[in-house]
Amino acid sequence: MVDDHEIANDWSANNSGIYSYAMEPFYVYQHSVNPPAPRPGVTYYTFNHGTASFFMMDSRRYRSNNWALDGPEKTMLGEPQKTDLLRWLNKDEPGIHWKILVSSVPFTKNWRFNDEDTWAGYLHERRELLDEMWKVGAEGRGGVIVLSGDRHEFGATAFPPPPDHPTYEHKQAATVHEFSCSPLSQFYIPKRTYVQEDDEDVLIKYVPDGNSKFGAVEVDSTNVSGEQAVLKYRLFVEGKEVWDWVVTADMSTRRIRGDVEGEGEKTGGQGLWG
């Protein structure tokens, strides 16, 4: 997926100057081997793997200016991409237990550095997406996961529905999880930038240190009965596994059970959100 540094730092929807020169090799060498796009000429795409369905968001090419006033007119995705994303979220596919959104910038607003370049600068549109994501889990149509990067640190975040939300009786079932991890290599950053300030974005785990980080997602598709879906996230720092988190979805009742399991020092203990 195209990122800002193909064009300029924190690039947002400026298609002049270096843009045409940078995008030509992207289309030839990267985008040409991606799965088919949902409509002609777009750079985002979807694909299924096992019991998971992925939506690879283009969070650069279609976005409004980072510093524009947030509100209904400001968009990270652009109208066609948002329409396709909402259609994908609400599509009920047999055998698909997980909807996994991939964003090149963090979904949580808890990163307190340069946050206008993340979804923190697009909170109105983010809430539109969360409303639909919560609905997927609450209705037992699968678990929703966000994978992201860009902050040069690791943060795992839960997004539970508001306590007073009238729709979601099974709030744990509706909760969305994000795992944000990067990069494969970097210089050391002494500043701590992830801070939870409210109950909208709930910290699960924060790992700022390490010059090399990556995450691995394992989706268990061996349960042929379809009664339970299991997704495991594993965090590696300097080549060693340091933390893991398990989210389970109870498909037998068509409700996400919301169990988040862990054990011992490595996992950080029992999870609060599912």
C-alpha atoms as a PDB file:
ATOM      1  CA  MET A   1       0.000   0.000   0.000  1.00  0.00           C
ATOM      2  CA  VAL A   2       1.245   3.501  -0.783  1.00  0.00           C
ATOM      3  CA  ASP A   3       2.625   5.401   2.229  1.00  0.00           C
ATOM      4  CA  ASP A   4       3.484   9.045   2.866  1.00  0.00           C
ATOM      5  CA  HIS A   5       7.232   8.737   2.340  1.00  0.00           C
ATOM      6  CA  GLU A   6       6.729   7.651  -1.248  1.00  0.00           C
ATOM      7  CA  ILE A   7       5.703  11.307  -1.755  1.00  0.00           C
ATOM      8  CA  ALA A   8       6.520  13.474   1.300  1.00  0.00           C
ATOM      9  CA  ASN A   9       6.358  13.268   5.075  1.00  0.00           C
ATOM     10  CA  ASP A  10       2.711  13.251   6.273  1.00  0.00           C
ATOM     11  CA  TRP A  11       1.523  13.468   2.667  1.00  0.00           C
ATOM     12  CA  SER A  12      -2.231  13.972   2.365  1.00  0.00           C
ATOM     13  CA  ALA A  13      -3.920  13.931  -1.037  1.00  0.00           C
ATOM     14  CA  ASN A  14      -1.603  16.311  -2.914  1.00  0.00           C
ATOM     15  CA  ASN A  15      -1.308  14.814  -6.413  1.00  0.00           C
ATOM     16  CA  SER A  16       1.027  17.372  -7.951  1.00  0.00           C
ATOM     17  CA  GLY A  17       4.806  17.593  -8.303  1.00  0.00           C
ATOM     18  CA  ILE A  18       6.626  14.410  -7.325  1.00  0.00           C
ATOM     19  CA  TYR A  19       3.357  12.478  -7.026  1.00  0.00           C
ATOM     20  CA  SER A  20       3.163  11.293 -10.642  1.00  0.00           C
ATOM     21  CA  TYR A  21       6.826  10.203 -10.663  1.00  0.00           C
ATOM     22  CA  ALA A  22       6.455   8.320  -7.381  1.00  0.00           C
ATOM     23  CA  MET A  23       3.167   6.619  -8.207  1.00  0.00           C
ATOM     24  CA  GLU A  24       4.285   5.203 -11.551  1.00  0.00           C
ATOM     25  CA  PRO A  25       6.755   2.699 -10.032  1.00  0.00           C
ATOM     26  CA  PHE A  26       4.269   1.983  -7.219  1.00  0.00           C
ATOM     27  CA  TYR A  27       1.647   0.902  -9.760  1.00  0.00           C
ATOM     28  CA  VAL A  28       4.168  -1.170 -11.728  1.00  0.00           C
ATOM     29  CA  TYR A  29       6.071  -2.901  -8.936  1.00  0.00           C
ATOM     30  CA  GLN A  30       3.705  -2.991  -5.945  1.00  0.00           C
ATOM     31  CA  HIS A  31       0.074  -2.427  -6.854  1.00  0.00           C
ATOM     32  CA  SER A  32       0.176  -4.628  -9.967  1.00  0.00           C
ATOM     33  CA  VAL A  33       0.520  -7.784  -7.844  1.00  0.00           C
ATOM     34  CA  ASN A  34      -2.209  -6.853  -5.334  1.00  0.00           C
ATOM     35  CA  PRO A  35      -5.551  -8.669  -5.346  1.00  0.00           C
ATOM     36  CA  PRO A  36      -8.225  -7.132  -7.595  1.00  0.00           C
ATOM     37  CA  ALA A  37      -9.621  -3.780  -6.439  1.00  0.00           C
ATOM     38  CA  PRO A  38     -13.361  -3.487  -5.710  1.00  0.00           C
ATOM     39  CA  ARG A  39     -13.726  -0.831  -8.441  1.00  0.00           C
ATOM     40  CA  PRO A  40     -11.545   0.370 -11.352  1.00  0.00           C
ATOM     41  CA  GLY A  41      -8.684   2.764 -10.683  1.00  0.00           C
ATOM     42  CA  VAL A  42      -8.545   2.543  -6.871  1.00  0.00           C
ATOM     43  CA  THR A  43      -5.545   1.467  -4.810  1.00  0.00           C
ATOM     44  CA  TYR A  44      -7.299  -0.190  -1.851  1.00  0.00           C
ATOM     45  CA  TYR A  45      -8.304  -3.849  -2.037  1.00  0.00           C
ATOM     46  CA  THR A  46      -9.707  -6.834  -0.142  1.00  0.00           C
ATOM     47  CA  PHE A  47      -8.887 -10.518   0.109  1.00  0.00           C
ATOM     48  CA  ASN A  48      -9.822 -13.562   2.197  1.00  0.00           C
ATOM     49  CA  HIS A  49      -7.444 -15.980   3.893  1.00  0.00           C
ATOM     50  CA  GLY A  50      -8.857 -18.915   5.823  1.00  0.00           C
ATOM     51  CA  THR A  51     -11.555 -17.640   8.174  1.00  0.00           C
ATOM     52  CA  ALA A  52     -10.392 -14.002   7.919  1.00  0.00           C
ATOM     53  CA  SER A  53     -11.348 -11.283   5.470  1.00  0.00           C
ATOM     54  CA  PHE A  54      -8.989  -8.325   5.031  1.00  0.00           C
ATOM     55  CA  PHE A  55      -9.590  -4.768   3.841  1.00  0.00           C
ATOM     56  CA  MET A  56      -6.342  -2.991   2.962  1.00  0.00           C
ATOM     57  CA  MET A  57      -7.155   0.698   3.356  1.00  0.00           C
ATOM     58  CA  ASP A  58      -5.441   3.432   1.389  1.00  0.00           C
ATOM     59  CA  SER A  59      -5.183   6.084   4.093  1.00  0.00           C
ATOM     60  CA  ARG A  60      -3.134   8.540   1.989  1.00  0.00           C
ATOM     61  CA  ARG A  61      -4.361   9.023  -1.555  1.00  0.00           C
ATOM     62  CA  TYR A  62      -7.955   9.995  -0.764  1.00  0.00           C
ATOM     63  CA  ARG A  63      -7.684  11.854   2.539  1.00  0.00           C
ATOM     64  CA  SER A  64      -8.480  15.466   3.309  1.00  0.00           C
ATOM     65  CA  ASN A  65      -5.703  17.779   4.442  1.00  0.00           C
ATOM     66  CA  ASN A  66      -4.378  16.682   7.843  1.00  0.00           C
ATOM     67  CA  TRP A  67      -4.904  20.104   9.387  1.00  0.00           C
ATOM     68  CA  ALA A  68      -8.421  20.708   8.109  1.00  0.00           C
ATOM     69  CA  LEU A  69     -11.104  21.166  10.765  1.00  0.00           C
ATOM     70  CA  ASP A  70     -12.546  17.787  11.761  1.00  0.00           C
ATOM     71  CA  GLY A  71     -16.203  17.183  10.965  1.00  0.00           C
ATOM     72  CA  PRO A  72     -18.553  15.520   8.444  1.00  0.00           C
ATOM     73  CA  GLU A  73     -16.630  16.891   5.462  1.00  0.00           C
ATOM     74  CA  LYS A  74     -13.187  15.687   6.572  1.00  0.00           C
ATOM     75  CA  THR A  75     -12.260  12.230   5.385  1.00  0.00           C
ATOM     76  CA  MET A  76      -9.378   9.799   5.634  1.00  0.00           C
ATOM     77  CA  LEU A  77     -10.874   7.384   3.110  1.00  0.00           C
ATOM     78  CA  GLY A  78     -12.806   9.373   0.541  1.00  0.00           C
ATOM     79  CA  GLU A  79     -16.442   8.582  -0.207  1.00  0.00           C
ATOM     80  CA  PRO A  80     -15.972   5.638  -2.642  1.00  0.00           C
ATOM     81  CA  GLN A  81     -13.517   3.866  -0.326  1.00  0.00           C
ATOM     82  CA  LYS A  82     -15.720   4.419   2.732  1.00  0.00           C
ATOM     83  CA  THR A  83     -18.727   3.075   0.843  1.00  0.00           C
ATOM     84  CA  ASP A  84     -16.781  -0.038  -0.173  1.00  0.00           C
ATOM     85  CA  LEU A  85     -15.427  -0.490   3.356  1.00  0.00           C
ATOM     86  CA  LEU A  86     -18.885  -0.300   4.947  1.00  0.00           C
ATOM     87  CA  ARG A  87     -20.243  -2.717   2.350  1.00  0.00           C
ATOM     88  CA  TRP A  88     -17.379  -5.122   3.137  1.00  0.00           C
ATOM     89  CA  LEU A  89     -17.968  -4.830   6.884  1.00  0.00           C
ATOM     90  CA  ASN A  90     -21.645  -5.696   6.515  1.00  0.00           C
ATOM     91  CA  LYS A  91     -21.165  -8.517   4.035  1.00  0.00           C
ATOM     92  CA  ASP A  92     -21.972 -11.825   5.711  1.00  0.00           C
ATOM     93  CA  GLU A  93     -19.728 -14.472   4.130  1.00  0.00           C
ATOM     94  CA  PRO A  94     -20.014 -18.155   5.098  1.00  0.00           C
ATOM     95  CA  GLY A  95     -16.889 -19.324   6.895  1.00  0.00           C
ATOM     96  CA  ILE A  96     -15.561 -15.815   7.604  1.00  0.00           C
ATOM     97  CA  HIS A  97     -15.192 -15.249  11.353  1.00  0.00           C
ATOM     98  CA  TRP A  98     -12.902 -12.202  11.378  1.00  0.00           C
ATOM     99  CA  LYS A  99     -13.005  -8.833   9.672  1.00  0.00           C
ATOM    100  CA  ILE A 100      -9.487  -7.365   9.686  1.00  0.00           C
ATOM    101  CA  LEU A 101      -8.945  -3.747   8.652  1.00  0.00           C
ATOM    102  CA  VAL A 102      -5.380  -2.731   7.806  1.00  0.00           C
ATOM    103  CA  SER A 103      -4.446   0.935   8.174  1.00  0.00           C
ATOM    104  CA  SER A 104      -1.070   2.536   7.456  1.00  0.00           C
ATOM    105  CA  VAL A 105      -1.653   4.945  10.364  1.00  0.00           C
ATOM    106  CA  PRO A 106      -2.916   4.196  13.906  1.00  0.00           C
ATOM    107  CA  PHE A 107      -6.649   3.978  14.521  1.00  0.00           C
ATOM    108  CA  THR A 108      -6.397   4.964  18.200  1.00  0.00           C
ATOM    109  CA  LYS A 109      -6.121   8.591  19.272  1.00  0.00           C
ATOM    110  CA  ASN A 110      -3.846   7.604  22.179  1.00  0.00           C
ATOM    111  CA  TRP A 111      -0.650   8.384  20.237  1.00  0.00           C
ATOM    112  CA  ARG A 112       0.044  11.944  21.437  1.00  0.00           C
ATOM    113  CA  PHE A 113       2.702  12.926  18.902  1.00  0.00           C
ATOM    114  CA  ASN A 114       1.908  14.141  15.380  1.00  0.00           C
ATOM    115  CA  ASP A 115      -1.592  12.796  15.957  1.00  0.00           C
ATOM    116  CA  GLU A 116      -3.206  14.959  13.262  1.00  0.00           C
ATOM    117  CA  ASP A 117      -1.591  12.555  10.755  1.00  0.00           C
ATOM    118  CA  THR A 118      -3.424   9.572  12.339  1.00  0.00           C
ATOM    119  CA  TRP A 119      -7.113   8.750  12.768  1.00  0.00           C
ATOM    120  CA  ALA A 120      -7.014  11.120  15.777  1.00  0.00           C
ATOM    121  CA  GLY A 121      -7.322  13.915  13.226  1.00  0.00           C
ATOM    122  CA  TYR A 122     -10.358  12.263  11.624  1.00  0.00           C
ATOM    123  CA  LEU A 123     -12.482  11.343  14.638  1.00  0.00           C
ATOM    124  CA  HIS A 124     -15.843  12.102  13.028  1.00  0.00           C
ATOM    125  CA  GLU A 125     -15.244   9.549  10.274  1.00  0.00           C
ATOM    126  CA  ARG A 126     -13.635   7.152  12.763  1.00  0.00           C
ATOM    127  CA  ARG A 127     -16.842   7.143  14.814  1.00  0.00           C
ATOM    128  CA  GLU A 128     -18.837   6.313  11.674  1.00  0.00           C
ATOM    129  CA  LEU A 129     -16.645   3.259  11.157  1.00  0.00           C
ATOM    130  CA  LEU A 130     -16.736   2.236  14.814  1.00  0.00           C
ATOM    131  CA  ASP A 131     -20.544   2.289  14.813  1.00  0.00           C
ATOM    132  CA  GLU A 132     -20.522  -0.248  11.976  1.00  0.00           C
ATOM    133  CA  MET A 133     -17.674  -2.285  13.485  1.00  0.00           C
ATOM    134  CA  TRP A 134     -19.461  -2.547  16.841  1.00  0.00           C
ATOM    135  CA  LYS A 135     -22.571  -3.735  15.022  1.00  0.00           C
ATOM    136  CA  VAL A 136     -20.675  -6.621  13.398  1.00  0.00           C
ATOM    137  CA  GLY A 137     -19.562  -7.974  16.762  1.00  0.00           C
ATOM    138  CA  ALA A 138     -22.815  -7.295  18.596  1.00  0.00           C
ATOM    139  CA  GLU A 139     -24.815  -9.177  15.984  1.00  0.00           C
ATOM    140  CA  GLY A 140     -22.501 -12.196  16.150  1.00  0.00           C
ATOM    141  CA  ARG A 141     -21.237 -11.812  12.586  1.00  0.00           C
ATOM    142  CA  GLY A 142     -17.556 -12.074  13.566  1.00  0.00           C
ATOM    143  CA  GLY A 143     -14.790 -10.288  15.428  1.00  0.00           C
ATOM    144  CA  VAL A 144     -13.314  -7.003  14.153  1.00  0.00           C
ATOM    145  CA  ILE A 145      -9.563  -6.333  14.326  1.00  0.00           C
ATOM    146  CA  VAL A 146      -7.520  -3.332  13.165  1.00  0.00           C
ATOM    147  CA  LEU A 147      -3.847  -3.757  12.229  1.00  0.00           C
ATOM    148  CA  SER A 148      -1.749  -0.612  11.839  1.00  0.00           C
ATOM    149  CA  GLY A 149       1.752   0.822  12.082  1.00  0.00           C
ATOM    150  CA  ASP A 150       3.735   4.065  11.546  1.00  0.00           C
ATOM    151  CA  ARG A 151       4.439   5.079  15.181  1.00  0.00           C
ATOM    152  CA  HIS A 152       7.774   3.237  15.606  1.00  0.00           C
ATOM    153  CA  GLU A 153       6.400   1.707  18.826  1.00  0.00           C
ATOM    154  CA  PHE A 154       3.856  -0.965  19.756  1.00  0.00           C
ATOM    155  CA  GLY A 155       0.411  -0.367  21.206  1.00  0.00           C
ATOM    156  CA  ALA A 156      -2.593  -2.647  21.639  1.00  0.00           C
ATOM    157  CA  THR A 157      -5.913  -0.856  22.168  1.00  0.00           C
ATOM    158  CA  ALA A 158      -9.538  -1.841  22.793  1.00  0.00           C
ATOM    159  CA  PHE A 159     -12.496   0.210  21.562  1.00  0.00           C
ATOM    160  CA  PRO A 160     -15.592  -0.738  23.597  1.00  0.00           C
ATOM    161  CA  PRO A 161     -18.978   0.791  22.726  1.00  0.00           C
ATOM    162  CA  PRO A 162     -19.978   3.721  24.975  1.00  0.00           C
ATOM    163  CA  PRO A 163     -21.575   2.519  28.252  1.00  0.00           C
ATOM    164  CA  ASP A 164     -24.768   4.419  27.484  1.00  0.00           C
ATOM    165  CA  HIS A 165     -25.018   3.238  23.880  1.00  0.00           C
ATOM    166  CA  PRO A 166     -28.638   2.121  23.342  1.00  0.00           C
ATOM    167  CA  THR A 167     -27.901  -0.548  20.740  1.00  0.00           C
ATOM    168  CA  TYR A 168     -25.217  -2.841  22.068  1.00  0.00           C
ATOM    169  CA  GLU A 169     -26.438  -5.003  24.917  1.00  0.00           C
ATOM    170  CA  HIS A 170     -23.435  -7.321  24.538  1.00  0.00           C
ATOM    171  CA  LYS A 171     -20.752  -4.662  24.815  1.00  0.00           C
ATOM    172  CA  GLN A 172     -17.852  -7.070  25.219  1.00  0.00           C
ATOM    173  CA  ALA A 173     -18.986  -8.861  22.073  1.00  0.00           C
ATOM    174  CA  ALA A 174     -18.951  -5.606  20.123  1.00  0.00           C
ATOM    175  CA  THR A 175     -15.505  -4.394  21.272  1.00  0.00           C
ATOM    176  CA  VAL A 176     -12.969  -3.755  18.500  1.00  0.00           C
ATOM    177  CA  HIS A 177      -9.226  -4.409  18.984  1.00  0.00           C
ATOM    178  CA  GLU A 178      -6.265  -2.699  17.359  1.00  0.00           C
ATOM    179  CA  PHE A 179      -2.683  -3.959  17.245  1.00  0.00           C
ATOM    180  CA  SER A 180      -0.287  -1.256  16.056  1.00  0.00           C
ATOM    181  CA  CYS A 181       3.319  -2.301  15.483  1.00  0.00           C
ATOM    182  CA  SER A 182       6.392  -0.928  13.710  1.00  0.00           C
ATOM    183  CA  PRO A 183       9.089  -0.836  12.505  1.00  0.00           C
ATOM    184  CA  LEU A 184      11.359  -3.656  11.364  1.00  0.00           C
ATOM    185  CA  SER A 185      14.370  -1.421  12.040  1.00  0.00           C
ATOM    186  CA  GLN A 186      14.872   2.049  13.509  1.00  0.00           C
ATOM    187  CA  PHE A 187      16.886   4.300  15.764  1.00  0.00           C
ATOM    188  CA  TYR A 188      16.021   4.480  19.475  1.00  0.00           C
ATOM    189  CA  ILE A 189      13.219   6.899  20.424  1.00  0.00           C
ATOM    190  CA  PRO A 190      13.374   7.997  24.092  1.00  0.00           C
ATOM    191  CA  LYS A 191      10.057   9.889  24.051  1.00  0.00           C
ATOM    192  CA  ARG A 192       6.958   7.992  25.218  1.00  0.00           C
ATOM    193  CA  THR A 193       4.017   8.989  23.047  1.00  0.00           C
ATOM    194  CA  TYR A 194       1.134   6.613  23.888  1.00  0.00           C
ATOM    195  CA  VAL A 195      -1.165   7.979  26.630  1.00  0.00           C
ATOM    196  CA  GLN A 196      -4.720   6.908  27.507  1.00  0.00           C
ATOM    197  CA  GLU A 197      -6.813   9.903  28.566  1.00  0.00           C
ATOM    198  CA  ASP A 198     -10.383   8.541  28.471  1.00  0.00           C
ATOM    199  CA  ASP A 199     -12.417   5.326  28.322  1.00  0.00           C
ATOM    200  CA  GLU A 200     -13.015   5.457  24.578  1.00  0.00           C
ATOM    201  CA  ASP A 201      -9.607   4.035  23.632  1.00  0.00           C
ATOM    202  CA  VAL A 202      -8.475   1.556  26.299  1.00  0.00           C
ATOM    203  CA  LEU A 203      -4.819   0.568  26.650  1.00  0.00           C
ATOM    204  CA  ILE A 204      -4.120  -3.166  26.569  1.00  0.00           C
ATOM    205  CA  LYS A 205      -0.322  -3.120  26.113  1.00  0.00           C
ATOM    206  CA  TYR A 206       2.326  -0.529  25.281  1.00  0.00           C
ATOM    207  CA  VAL A 207       5.898  -1.441  24.280  1.00  0.00           C
ATOM    208  CA  PRO A 208       7.947   1.607  23.230  1.00  0.00           C
ATOM    209  CA  ASP A 209      11.451   0.099  23.365  1.00  0.00           C
ATOM    210  CA  GLY A 210      13.254  -1.992  20.795  1.00  0.00           C
ATOM    211  CA  ASN A 211      14.874  -1.175  17.479  1.00  0.00           C
ATOM    212  CA  SER A 212      13.109  -4.016  15.678  1.00  0.00           C
ATOM    213  CA  LYS A 213       9.455  -4.974  16.180  1.00  0.00           C
ATOM    214  CA  PHE A 214       6.904  -6.956  14.259  1.00  0.00           C
ATOM    215  CA  GLY A 215       3.646  -8.688  14.975  1.00  0.00           C
ATOM    216  CA  ALA A 216       2.266 -12.023  13.794  1.00  0.00           C
ATOM    217  CA  VAL A 217      -1.431 -12.811  13.518  1.00  0.00           C
ATOM    218  CA  GLU A 218      -2.569 -16.422  13.729  1.00  0.00           C
ATOM    219  CA  VAL A 219      -6.139 -17.303  12.811  1.00  0.00           C
ATOM    220  CA  ASP A 220      -7.204 -20.816  13.794  1.00  0.00           C
ATOM    221  CA  SER A 221      -9.251 -22.304  10.978  1.00  0.00           C
ATOM    222  CA  THR A 222      -8.999 -25.914  12.191  1.00  0.00           C
ATOM    223  CA  ASN A 223     -12.288 -25.846  14.105  1.00  0.00           C
ATOM    224  CA  VAL A 224     -14.459 -27.413  11.427  1.00  0.00           C
ATOM    225  CA  SER A 225     -17.562 -27.280  13.625  1.00  0.00           C
ATOM    226  CA  GLY A 226     -17.462 -23.486  13.474  1.00  0.00           C
ATOM    227  CA  GLU A 227     -18.348 -23.184  17.143  1.00  0.00           C
ATOM    228  CA  GLN A 228     -15.409 -21.001  18.107  1.00  0.00           C
ATOM    229  CA  ALA A 229     -13.069 -18.733  16.207  1.00  0.00           C
ATOM    230  CA  VAL A 230      -9.645 -17.970  17.670  1.00  0.00           C
ATOM    231  CA  LEU A 231      -7.268 -15.155  16.756  1.00  0.00           C
ATOM    232  CA  LYS A 232      -3.847 -14.861  18.383  1.00  0.00           C
ATOM    233  CA  TYR A 233      -1.542 -11.858  18.126  1.00  0.00           C
ATOM    234  CA  ARG A 234       2.187 -12.333  18.879  1.00  0.00           C
ATOM    235  CA  LEU A 235       4.636  -9.447  19.371  1.00  0.00           C
ATOM    236  CA  PHE A 236       8.336  -9.876  18.575  1.00  0.00           C
ATOM    237  CA  VAL A 237      10.988  -7.394  19.750  1.00  0.00           C
ATOM    238  CA  GLU A 238      14.604  -7.844  18.660  1.00  0.00           C
ATOM    239  CA  GLY A 239      13.617 -11.227  17.230  1.00  0.00           C
ATOM    240  CA  LYS A 240      12.147 -12.596  20.483  1.00  0.00           C
ATOM    241  CA  GLU A 241       8.495 -13.131  21.299  1.00  0.00           C
ATOM    242  CA  VAL A 242       7.690 -10.895  24.279  1.00  0.00           C
ATOM    243  CA  TRP A 243       3.890 -10.755  24.414  1.00  0.00           C
ATOM    244  CA  ASP A 244       0.777 -12.409  23.037  1.00  0.00           C
ATOM    245  CA  TRP A 245      -2.968 -11.853  23.164  1.00  0.00           C
ATOM    246  CA  VAL A 246      -5.848 -14.155  22.268  1.00  0.00           C
ATOM    247  CA  VAL A 247      -9.317 -13.080  21.172  1.00  0.00           C
ATOM    248  CA  THR A 248     -12.026 -15.722  20.784  1.00  0.00           C
ATOM    249  CA  ALA A 249     -15.346 -15.534  19.000  1.00  0.00           C
ATOM    250  CA  ASP A 250     -18.107 -17.937  19.989  1.00  0.00           C
ATOM    251  CA  MET A 251     -19.771 -18.746  16.676  1.00  0.00           C
ATOM    252  CA  SER A 252     -22.086 -21.439  18.051  1.00  0.00           C
ATOM    253  CA  THR A 253     -24.474 -18.825  19.402  1.00  0.00           C
ATOM    254  CA  ARG A 254     -23.640 -16.276  16.693  1.00  0.00           C
ATOM    255  CA  ARG A 255     -22.404 -14.011  19.471  1.00  0.00           C
ATOM    256  CA  ILE A 256     -18.808 -12.950  20.018  1.00  0.00           C
ATOM    257  CA  ARG A 257     -18.045 -14.289  23.462  1.00  0.00           C
ATOM    258  CA  GLY A 258     -15.411 -11.633  24.006  1.00  0.00           C
ATOM    259  CA  ASP A 259     -12.902 -13.704  25.929  1.00  0.00           C
ATOM    260  CA  VAL A 260      -9.406 -12.241  25.899  1.00  0.00           C
ATOM    261  CA  GLU A 261      -7.006 -14.703  27.397  1.00  0.00           C
ATOM    262  CA  GLY A 262      -3.423 -14.546  28.566  1.00  0.00           C
ATOM    263  CA  GLU A 263      -1.161 -16.126  31.051  1.00  0.00           C
ATOM    264  CA  GLY A 264       1.866 -15.192  33.098  1.00  0.00           C
ATOM    265  CA  GLU A 265       4.260 -12.315  32.656  1.00  0.00           C
ATOM    266  CA  LYS A 266       4.510 -12.599  28.879  1.00  0.00           C
ATOM    267  CA  THR A 267       0.841 -11.899  28.191  1.00  0.00           C
ATOM    268  CA  GLY A 268       0.279  -9.368  30.934  1.00  0.00           C
ATOM    269  CA  GLY A 269      -2.538 -11.366  32.503  1.00  0.00           C
ATOM    270  CA  GLN A 270      -6.281 -11.614  31.896  1.00  0.00           C
ATOM    271  CA  GLY A 271      -7.712  -9.236  29.339  1.00  0.00           C
ATOM    272  CA  LEU A 272     -10.430  -6.736  30.173  1.00  0.00           C
ATOM    273  CA  TRP A 273     -12.014  -6.373  26.760  1.00  0.00           C
ATOM    274  CA  GLY A 274     -13.163  -8.825  24.115  1.00  0.00           C
END
